[in-house]
C-alpha atoms as a PDB file:
ATOM      1  CA  UNK A   1      50.510-141.396  95.625  1.00  0.00           C
ATOM      2  CA  UNK A   2      47.309-140.628  94.260  1.00  0.00           C
ATOM      3  CA  UNK A   3      44.574-142.072  96.221  1.00  0.00           C
ATOM      4  CA  UNK A   4      41.937-143.747  93.645  1.00  0.00           C
ATOM      5  CA  UNK A   5      39.078-141.562  93.131  1.00  0.00           C
ATOM      6  CA  UNK A   6      37.172-143.886  90.869  1.00  0.00           C
ATOM      7  CA  UNK A   7      36.887-147.157  89.242  1.00  0.00           C
ATOM      8  CA  UNK A   8      37.001-148.414  85.696  1.00  0.00           C
ATOM      9  CA  UNK A   9      33.317-149.258  86.387  1.00  0.00           C
ATOM     10  CA  UNK A  10      32.540-145.594  86.644  1.00  0.00           C
ATOM     11  CA  UNK A  11      33.605-144.755  83.178  1.00  0.00           C
ATOM     12  CA  UNK A  12      30.075-145.967  81.341  1.00  0.00           C
ATOM     13  CA  UNK A  13      27.990-144.128  83.752  1.00  0.00           C
ATOM     14  CA  UNK A  14      29.992-141.000  83.682  1.00  0.00           C
ATOM     15  CA  UNK A  15      29.809-141.287  79.526  1.00  0.00           C
ATOM     16  CA  UNK A  16      26.001-141.765  80.153  1.00  0.00           C
ATOM     17  CA  UNK A  17      25.555-138.642  82.032  1.00  0.00           C
ATOM     18  CA  UNK A  18      27.726-136.241  79.782  1.00  0.00           C
ATOM     19  CA  UNK A  19      26.001-137.509  76.626  1.00  0.00           C
ATOM     20  CA  UNK A  20      22.561-137.824  78.375  1.00  0.00           C
ATOM     21  CA  UNK A  21      22.566-141.597  77.127  1.00  0.00           C
ATOM     22  CA  UNK A  22      19.961-143.723  79.137  1.00  0.00           C
ATOM     23  CA  UNK A  23      21.212-146.845  80.547  1.00  0.00           C
ATOM     24  CA  UNK A  24      20.184-149.223  83.479  1.00  0.00           C
ATOM     25  CA  UNK A  25      22.133-147.917  86.779  1.00  0.00           C
ATOM     26  CA  UNK A  26      25.209-150.507  86.686  1.00  0.00           C
ATOM     27  CA  UNK A  27      27.644-151.058  89.722  1.00  0.00           C
ATOM     28  CA  UNK A  28      29.722-148.070  88.780  1.00  0.00           C
ATOM     29  CA  UNK A  29      28.930-144.493  89.857  1.00  0.00           C
ATOM     30  CA  UNK A  30      28.835-141.091  87.783  1.00  0.00           C
ATOM     31  CA  UNK A  31      32.353-139.318  88.248  1.00  0.00           C
ATOM     32  CA  UNK A  32      30.550-136.149  89.119  1.00  0.00           C
ATOM     33  CA  UNK A  33      33.509-133.778  89.009  1.00  0.00           C
ATOM     34  CA  UNK A  34      34.074-134.856  85.398  1.00  0.00           C
ATOM     35  CA  UNK A  35      30.433-135.041  84.247  1.00  0.00           C
ATOM     36  CA  UNK A  36      29.674-131.735  85.666  1.00  0.00           C
ATOM     37  CA  UNK A  37      32.821-129.874  84.212  1.00  0.00           C
ATOM     38  CA  UNK A  38      32.338-131.312  80.885  1.00  0.00           C
ATOM     39  CA  UNK A  39      28.504-130.877  80.535  1.00  0.00           C
ATOM     40  CA  UNK A  40      29.284-127.061  81.188  1.00  0.00           C
ATOM     41  CA  UNK A  41      32.029-127.164  78.523  1.00  0.00           C
ATOM     42  CA  UNK A  42      29.282-128.538  76.111  1.00  0.00           C
ATOM     43  CA  UNK A  43      31.263-131.434  74.959  1.00  0.00           C
ATOM     44  CA  UNK A  44      29.012-133.024  72.234  1.00  0.00           C
ATOM     45  CA  UNK A  45      30.817-136.262  71.747  1.00  0.00           C
ATOM     46  CA  UNK A  46      33.230-138.593  73.537  1.00  0.00           C
ATOM     47  CA  UNK A  47      36.317-140.668  72.451  1.00  0.00           C
ATOM     48  CA  UNK A  48      37.091-143.352  74.770  1.00  0.00           C
ATOM     49  CA  UNK A  49      40.660-144.702  74.184  1.00  0.00           C
ATOM     50  CA  UNK A  50      41.768-147.743  76.288  1.00  0.00           C
ATOM     51  CA  UNK A  51      45.522-147.698  76.385  1.00  0.00           C
ATOM     52  CA  UNK A  52      46.278-151.254  77.433  1.00  0.00           C
ATOM     53  CA  UNK A  53      48.459-151.404  80.654  1.00  0.00           C
ATOM     54  CA  UNK A  54      48.729-147.705  81.120  1.00  0.00           C
ATOM     55  CA  UNK A  55      49.210-147.641  84.933  1.00  0.00           C
ATOM     56  CA  UNK A  56      48.927-144.315  86.896  1.00  0.00           C
ATOM     57  CA  UNK A  57      52.658-144.354  88.091  1.00  0.00           C
ATOM     58  CA  UNK A  58      53.675-145.684  84.461  1.00  0.00           C
ATOM     59  CA  UNK A  59      52.295-142.684  83.247  1.00  0.00           C
ATOM     60  CA  UNK A  60      54.122-140.553  85.752  1.00  0.00           C
ATOM     61  CA  UNK A  61      57.264-142.274  84.900  1.00  0.00           C
ATOM     62  CA  UNK A  62      57.124-141.383  81.068  1.00  0.00           C
ATOM     63  CA  UNK A  63      54.801-138.300  80.987  1.00  0.00           C
ATOM     64  CA  UNK A  64      57.932-136.500  79.380  1.00  0.00           C
ATOM     65  CA  UNK A  65      57.875-138.643  76.337  1.00  0.00           C
ATOM     66  CA  UNK A  66      53.892-138.518  75.983  1.00  0.00           C
ATOM     67  CA  UNK A  67      53.215-135.176  74.904  1.00  0.00           C
ATOM     68  CA  UNK A  68      50.014-135.538  73.381  1.00  0.00           C
ATOM     69  CA  UNK A  69      48.450-137.111  76.410  1.00  0.00           C
ATOM     70  CA  UNK A  70      50.258-134.567  78.745  1.00  0.00           C
ATOM     71  CA  UNK A  71      48.753-131.829  76.728  1.00  0.00           C
ATOM     72  CA  UNK A  72      45.243-133.005  77.542  1.00  0.00           C
ATOM     73  CA  UNK A  73      46.245-133.398  80.974  1.00  0.00           C
ATOM     74  CA  UNK A  74      47.678-129.852  81.313  1.00  0.00           C
ATOM     75  CA  UNK A  75      44.074-128.587  80.369  1.00  0.00           C
ATOM     76  CA  UNK A  76      42.060-131.529  81.779  1.00  0.00           C
ATOM     77  CA  UNK A  77      42.150-133.907  84.468  1.00  0.00           C
ATOM     78  CA  UNK A  78      44.418-136.947  85.593  1.00  0.00           C
ATOM     79  CA  UNK A  79      42.936-139.417  88.165  1.00  0.00           C
ATOM     80  CA  UNK A  80      44.055-142.612  89.646  1.00  0.00           C
ATOM     81  CA  UNK A  81      41.276-145.144  88.693  1.00  0.00           C
ATOM     82  CA  UNK A  82      41.101-148.434  90.480  1.00  0.00           C
ATOM     83  CA  UNK A  83      41.354-151.457  87.953  1.00  0.00           C
ATOM     84  CA  UNK A  84      38.930-154.313  88.699  1.00  0.00           C
ATOM     85  CA  UNK A  85      41.190-157.129  87.440  1.00  0.00           C
ATOM     86  CA  UNK A  86      44.752-157.902  86.319  1.00  0.00           C
ATOM     87  CA  UNK A  87      43.418-159.188  82.654  1.00  0.00           C
ATOM     88  CA  UNK A  88      42.504-157.175  79.661  1.00  0.00           C
ATOM     89  CA  UNK A  89      39.074-158.940  78.918  1.00  0.00           C
ATOM     90  CA  UNK A  90      37.208-158.275  82.269  1.00  0.00           C
ATOM     91  CA  UNK A  91      38.538-154.903  82.628  1.00  0.00           C
ATOM     92  CA  UNK A  92      37.153-153.670  79.320  1.00  0.00           C
ATOM     93  CA  UNK A  93      34.071-155.361  80.084  1.00  0.00           C
ATOM     94  CA  UNK A  94      33.630-153.104  83.153  1.00  0.00           C
ATOM     95  CA  UNK A  95      34.927-150.062  81.157  1.00  0.00           C
ATOM     96  CA  UNK A  96      32.262-150.549  78.612  1.00  0.00           C
ATOM     97  CA  UNK A  97      29.193-152.067  80.860  1.00  0.00           C
ATOM     98  CA  UNK A  98      29.801-150.250  84.152  1.00  0.00           C
ATOM     99  CA  UNK A  99      29.501-153.843  85.851  1.00  0.00           C
ATOM    100  CA  UNK A 100      32.292-155.589  88.151  1.00  0.00           C
ATOM    101  CA  UNK A 101      33.583-158.853  86.711  1.00  0.00           C
ATOM    102  CA  UNK A 102      31.589-160.863  89.318  1.00  0.00           C
ATOM    103  CA  UNK A 103      28.614-159.443  87.680  1.00  0.00           C
ATOM    104  CA  UNK A 104      29.346-159.226  84.033  1.00  0.00           C
ATOM    105  CA  UNK A 105      31.072-162.620  84.069  1.00  0.00           C
ATOM    106  CA  UNK A 106      33.016-161.626  81.274  1.00  0.00           C
ATOM    107  CA  UNK A 107      36.587-163.128  81.406  1.00  0.00           C
ATOM    108  CA  UNK A 108      37.195-163.696  77.837  1.00  0.00           C
ATOM    109  CA  UNK A 109      35.734-162.780  74.368  1.00  0.00           C
ATOM    110  CA  UNK A 110      34.095-166.029  74.379  1.00  0.00           C
ATOM    111  CA  UNK A 111      32.193-165.306  77.575  1.00  0.00           C
ATOM    112  CA  UNK A 112      30.446-162.501  75.867  1.00  0.00           C
ATOM    113  CA  UNK A 113      28.855-164.781  73.314  1.00  0.00           C
ATOM    114  CA  UNK A 114      28.083-167.329  76.040  1.00  0.00           C
ATOM    115  CA  UNK A 115      26.464-164.652  78.217  1.00  0.00           C
ATOM    116  CA  UNK A 116      24.362-163.398  75.402  1.00  0.00           C
ATOM    117  CA  UNK A 117      23.079-166.740  74.565  1.00  0.00           C
ATOM    118  CA  UNK A 118      21.839-167.186  78.161  1.00  0.00           C
ATOM    119  CA  UNK A 119      20.074-163.636  77.939  1.00  0.00           C
ATOM    120  CA  UNK A 120      20.803-161.273  75.048  1.00  0.00           C
ATOM    121  CA  UNK A 121      19.044-158.375  76.894  1.00  0.00           C
ATOM    122  CA  UNK A 122      20.869-158.744  80.154  1.00  0.00           C
ATOM    123  CA  UNK A 123      21.984-155.051  81.132  1.00  0.00           C
ATOM    124  CA  UNK A 124      25.011-156.491  82.885  1.00  0.00           C
ATOM    125  CA  UNK A 125      26.827-157.363  79.710  1.00  0.00           C
ATOM    126  CA  UNK A 126      25.351-154.543  77.506  1.00  0.00           C
ATOM    127  CA  UNK A 127      27.800-151.839  76.794  1.00  0.00           C
ATOM    128  CA  UNK A 128      27.459-148.092  76.681  1.00  0.00           C
ATOM    129  CA  UNK A 129      27.982-148.184  73.220  1.00  0.00           C
ATOM    130  CA  UNK A 130      25.078-150.284  72.756  1.00  0.00           C
ATOM    131  CA  UNK A 131      23.009-148.253  75.011  1.00  0.00           C
ATOM    132  CA  UNK A 132      24.140-145.277  73.007  1.00  0.00           C
ATOM    133  CA  UNK A 133      22.856-147.060  69.506  1.00  0.00           C
ATOM    134  CA  UNK A 134      19.608-148.072  71.275  1.00  0.00           C
ATOM    135  CA  UNK A 135      18.899-144.334  71.959  1.00  0.00           C
ATOM    136  CA  UNK A 136      19.685-143.264  68.664  1.00  0.00           C
ATOM    137  CA  UNK A 137      23.054-141.933  69.149  1.00  0.00           C
ATOM    138  CA  UNK A 138      25.623-142.896  66.550  1.00  0.00           C
ATOM    139  CA  UNK A 139      28.034-145.269  68.274  1.00  0.00           C
ATOM    140  CA  UNK A 140      31.562-146.825  66.792  1.00  0.00           C
ATOM    141  CA  UNK A 141      34.142-149.130  67.885  1.00  0.00           C
ATOM    142  CA  UNK A 142      37.717-149.989  66.899  1.00  0.00           C
ATOM    143  CA  UNK A 143      39.221-153.122  68.266  1.00  0.00           C
ATOM    144  CA  UNK A 144      40.475-156.507  67.685  1.00  0.00           C
ATOM    145  CA  UNK A 145      38.416-158.445  65.103  1.00  0.00           C
ATOM    146  CA  UNK A 146      37.222-161.077  67.323  1.00  0.00           C
ATOM    147  CA  UNK A 147      35.956-158.649  69.914  1.00  0.00           C
ATOM    148  CA  UNK A 148      34.688-156.212  67.301  1.00  0.00           C
ATOM    149  CA  UNK A 149      32.368-159.084  65.985  1.00  0.00           C
ATOM    150  CA  UNK A 150      30.429-159.004  69.311  1.00  0.00           C
ATOM    151  CA  UNK A 151      29.236-155.644  68.422  1.00  0.00           C
ATOM    152  CA  UNK A 152      27.718-156.597  64.987  1.00  0.00           C
ATOM    153  CA  UNK A 153      24.435-155.245  64.375  1.00  0.00           C
ATOM    154  CA  UNK A 154      24.737-153.428  67.912  1.00  0.00           C
ATOM    155  CA  UNK A 155      26.483-150.339  67.020  1.00  0.00           C
ATOM    156  CA  UNK A 156      26.409-148.042  63.932  1.00  0.00           C
ATOM    157  CA  UNK A 157      30.105-148.663  62.896  1.00  0.00           C
ATOM    158  CA  UNK A 158      32.608-151.500  63.903  1.00  0.00           C
ATOM    159  CA  UNK A 159      36.164-152.131  62.779  1.00  0.00           C
ATOM    160  CA  UNK A 160      37.898-155.137  63.853  1.00  0.00           C
ATOM    161  CA  UNK A 161      41.824-155.418  63.147  1.00  0.00           C
ATOM    162  CA  UNK A 162      43.194-158.987  63.043  1.00  0.00           C
ATOM    163  CA  UNK A 163      45.645-159.803  66.058  1.00  0.00           C
ATOM    164  CA  UNK A 164      49.283-159.571  65.051  1.00  0.00           C
ATOM    165  CA  UNK A 165      52.738-160.320  66.201  1.00  0.00           C
ATOM    166  CA  UNK A 166      53.757-156.859  64.834  1.00  0.00           C
ATOM    167  CA  UNK A 167      51.864-155.047  67.440  1.00  0.00           C
ATOM    168  CA  UNK A 168      53.099-151.588  66.370  1.00  0.00           C
ATOM    169  CA  UNK A 169      51.782-152.272  63.041  1.00  0.00           C
ATOM    170  CA  UNK A 170      48.519-153.550  64.700  1.00  0.00           C
ATOM    171  CA  UNK A 171      47.950-150.148  66.593  1.00  0.00           C
ATOM    172  CA  UNK A 172      48.758-148.108  63.526  1.00  0.00           C
ATOM    173  CA  UNK A 173      45.788-149.981  61.437  1.00  0.00           C
ATOM    174  CA  UNK A 174      43.716-149.334  64.807  1.00  0.00           C
ATOM    175  CA  UNK A 175      44.464-145.782  64.218  1.00  0.00           C
ATOM    176  CA  UNK A 176      43.624-145.602  60.623  1.00  0.00           C
ATOM    177  CA  UNK A 177      40.310-147.139  61.032  1.00  0.00           C
ATOM    178  CA  UNK A 178      39.671-144.869  64.009  1.00  0.00           C
ATOM    179  CA  UNK A 179      40.487-141.610  62.133  1.00  0.00           C
ATOM    180  CA  UNK A 180      38.320-143.306  59.025  1.00  0.00           C
ATOM    181  CA  UNK A 181      35.497-143.485  61.440  1.00  0.00           C
ATOM    182  CA  UNK A 182      35.843-140.013  62.990  1.00  0.00           C
ATOM    183  CA  UNK A 183      35.039-138.837  59.379  1.00  0.00           C
ATOM    184  CA  UNK A 184      31.614-140.120  59.940  1.00  0.00           C
ATOM    185  CA  UNK A 185      31.205-138.116  63.279  1.00  0.00           C
ATOM    186  CA  UNK A 186      30.110-140.519  65.632  1.00  0.00           C
ATOM    187  CA  UNK A 187      28.872-139.436  69.261  1.00  0.00           C
ATOM    188  CA  UNK A 188      30.682-142.134  70.998  1.00  0.00           C
ATOM    189  CA  UNK A 189      33.743-143.844  69.580  1.00  0.00           C
ATOM    190  CA  UNK A 190      35.609-146.607  71.669  1.00  0.00           C
ATOM    191  CA  UNK A 191      39.310-147.533  70.455  1.00  0.00           C
ATOM    192  CA  UNK A 192      41.595-150.058  72.170  1.00  0.00           C
ATOM    193  CA  UNK A 193      45.422-149.642  71.855  1.00  0.00           C
ATOM    194  CA  UNK A 194      47.602-152.625  72.666  1.00  0.00           C
ATOM    195  CA  UNK A 195      51.505-151.725  72.235  1.00  0.00           C
ATOM    196  CA  UNK A 196      52.245-150.997  75.921  1.00  0.00           C
ATOM    197  CA  UNK A 197      50.668-154.219  77.058  1.00  0.00           C
ATOM    198  CA  UNK A 198      52.634-156.463  74.513  1.00  0.00           C
ATOM    199  CA  UNK A 199      56.056-154.740  75.182  1.00  0.00           C
ATOM    200  CA  UNK A 200      55.690-155.025  78.701  1.00  0.00           C
ATOM    201  CA  UNK A 201      55.245-158.755  78.399  1.00  0.00           C
ATOM    202  CA  UNK A 202      58.013-159.485  76.049  1.00  0.00           C
ATOM    203  CA  UNK A 203      60.371-156.638  76.532  1.00  0.00           C
ATOM    204  CA  UNK A 204      63.899-157.395  78.158  1.00  0.00           C
ATOM    205  CA  UNK A 205      65.079-153.812  77.962  1.00  0.00           C
ATOM    206  CA  UNK A 206      63.128-150.628  79.206  1.00  0.00           C
ATOM    207  CA  UNK A 207      63.938-149.047  75.779  1.00  0.00           C
ATOM    208  CA  UNK A 208      61.514-151.129  73.960  1.00  0.00           C
ATOM    209  CA  UNK A 209      58.902-150.246  76.527  1.00  0.00           C
ATOM    210  CA  UNK A 210      59.737-146.593  75.847  1.00  0.00           C
ATOM    211  CA  UNK A 211      59.388-147.192  72.150  1.00  0.00           C
ATOM    212  CA  UNK A 212      55.964-148.522  72.747  1.00  0.00           C
ATOM    213  CA  UNK A 213      54.883-145.579  74.964  1.00  0.00           C
ATOM    214  CA  UNK A 214      56.098-143.208  72.443  1.00  0.00           C
ATOM    215  CA  UNK A 215      54.410-144.873  69.766  1.00  0.00           C
ATOM    216  CA  UNK A 216      51.054-145.073  71.843  1.00  0.00           C
ATOM    217  CA  UNK A 217      51.128-141.546  72.401  1.00  0.00           C
ATOM    218  CA  UNK A 218      51.806-140.521  68.848  1.00  0.00           C
ATOM    219  CA  UNK A 219      48.610-142.740  67.932  1.00  0.00           C
ATOM    220  CA  UNK A 220      46.543-140.746  70.573  1.00  0.00           C
ATOM    221  CA  UNK A 221      47.703-137.431  69.079  1.00  0.00           C
ATOM    222  CA  UNK A 222      46.447-138.445  65.784  1.00  0.00           C
ATOM    223  CA  UNK A 223      43.359-139.223  66.868  1.00  0.00           C
ATOM    224  CA  UNK A 224      43.039-135.799  68.941  1.00  0.00           C
ATOM    225  CA  UNK A 225      44.210-134.096  65.650  1.00  0.00           C
ATOM    226  CA  UNK A 226      41.387-135.670  63.528  1.00  0.00           C
ATOM    227  CA  UNK A 227      38.762-135.148  66.001  1.00  0.00           C
ATOM    228  CA  UNK A 228      36.099-132.359  65.743  1.00  0.00           C
ATOM    229  CA  UNK A 229      35.903-129.534  68.238  1.00  0.00           C
ATOM    230  CA  UNK A 230      33.941-130.136  71.090  1.00  0.00           C
ATOM    231  CA  UNK A 231      35.155-133.897  71.660  1.00  0.00           C
ATOM    232  CA  UNK A 232      35.892-135.162  75.116  1.00  0.00           C
ATOM    233  CA  UNK A 233      38.599-137.819  75.395  1.00  0.00           C
ATOM    234  CA  UNK A 234      38.564-140.394  78.073  1.00  0.00           C
ATOM    235  CA  UNK A 235      41.875-141.987  77.989  1.00  0.00           C
ATOM    236  CA  UNK A 236      42.433-144.877  80.725  1.00  0.00           C
ATOM    237  CA  UNK A 237      44.399-148.037  81.190  1.00  0.00           C
ATOM    238  CA  UNK A 238      42.666-151.226  81.887  1.00  0.00           C
ATOM    239  CA  UNK A 239      45.456-152.688  84.592  1.00  0.00           C
ATOM    240  CA  UNK A 240      49.111-152.020  85.482  1.00  0.00           C
ATOM    241  CA  UNK A 241      51.805-153.818  83.365  1.00  0.00           C
ATOM    242  CA  UNK A 242      52.316-157.533  83.292  1.00  0.00           C
ATOM    243  CA  UNK A 243      55.925-158.884  83.265  1.00  0.00           C
ATOM    244  CA  UNK A 244      55.894-157.202  87.033  1.00  0.00           C
ATOM    245  CA  UNK A 245      58.695-159.523  88.295  1.00  0.00           C
ATOM    246  CA  UNK A 246      61.429-158.062  85.857  1.00  0.00           C
ATOM    247  CA  UNK A 247      59.859-154.335  86.071  1.00  0.00           C
ATOM    248  CA  UNK A 248      59.771-154.128  89.934  1.00  0.00           C
ATOM    249  CA  UNK A 249      63.654-154.395  90.100  1.00  0.00           C
ATOM    250  CA  UNK A 250      64.011-150.856  88.901  1.00  0.00           C
ATOM    251  CA  UNK A 251      60.617-149.577  90.451  1.00  0.00           C
ATOM    252  CA  UNK A 252      60.277-147.126  93.177  1.00  0.00           C
ATOM    253  CA  UNK A 253      58.154-147.732  96.551  1.00  0.00           C
ATOM    254  CA  UNK A 254      55.402-145.563  95.002  1.00  0.00           C
ATOM    255  CA  UNK A 255      55.269-147.604  91.622  1.00  0.00           C
ATOM    256  CA  UNK A 256      55.196-150.905  93.758  1.00  0.00           C
ATOM    257  CA  UNK A 257      52.500-149.757  95.696  1.00  0.00           C
ATOM    258  CA  UNK A 258      50.582-148.642  92.508  1.00  0.00           C
ATOM    259  CA  UNK A 259      51.213-152.039  90.857  1.00  0.00           C
ATOM    260  CA  UNK A 260      49.985-153.838  94.192  1.00  0.00           C
ATOM    261  CA  UNK A 261      46.971-151.556  94.348  1.00  0.00           C
ATOM    262  CA  UNK A 262      46.249-152.011  90.611  1.00  0.00           C
ATOM    263  CA  UNK A 263      45.658-148.228  89.839  1.00  0.00           C
ATOM    264  CA  UNK A 264      45.587-146.971  86.231  1.00  0.00           C
ATOM    265  CA  UNK A 265      45.687-143.410  84.780  1.00  0.00           C
ATOM    266  CA  UNK A 266      42.460-141.780  83.537  1.00  0.00           C
ATOM    267  CA  UNK A 267      43.023-138.974  81.647  1.00  0.00           C
ATOM    268  CA  UNK A 268      39.998-136.509  80.684  1.00  0.00           C
ATOM    269  CA  UNK A 269      40.325-133.764  78.441  1.00  0.00           C
ATOM    270  CA  UNK A 270      38.267-131.649  75.853  1.00  0.00           C
ATOM    271  CA  UNK A 271      39.489-130.421  72.432  1.00  0.00           C
END
């Protein structure tokens, strides 16, 4: 099993280092082997893709049906990354801010508004997208509509997609907005895909989860295809899959250990 080499809280400071975006030093640390390598490769922009529930061992189990992501891995890096929680909101807050949940206090979208009302300049709730915007970089975010609104007037471009029971269509609309956004050449773009997470919750048969994984990989492939040369991709899960009681029945010992340790995949590669 891969020993975690980093934490979700390390992603924001690593982006900060690669693009030279100034930010207050958070809880997380720069992943030096990532930053040093891609600074040398002169990557000029970053696309951060959060593939909800993409656990490290989940990726290994299904890598053969994820050609777009696997292509990045073959020329880049695959790391085990320690998650910080079991739910999406605090994990994404840590990915974006570089702080741990006990410090950013974001456990739901509503908490973002609550914490900003207390202190709108609190660096523990300020995201790398906002640090970029304040420093004159062009930053953009494509996520669920309620979360997108928390970035209004804090980034150059935001696109919110209304939540839907049809999560495949939801992700397709996310990708359509992301591709449109790429035409404006943002320095930093963040995208959140949710198919794997939703199907892990509700799927009875593994085939349905496989379809969600294939859909996620296809969507990521479209983003890669439309990105400019010199774009660095950071693709990560936020937590391991939900609905674990049904999935562990067919899990290997390593997959069980991975779930217990809450280790997600972090894929890093440059176009």
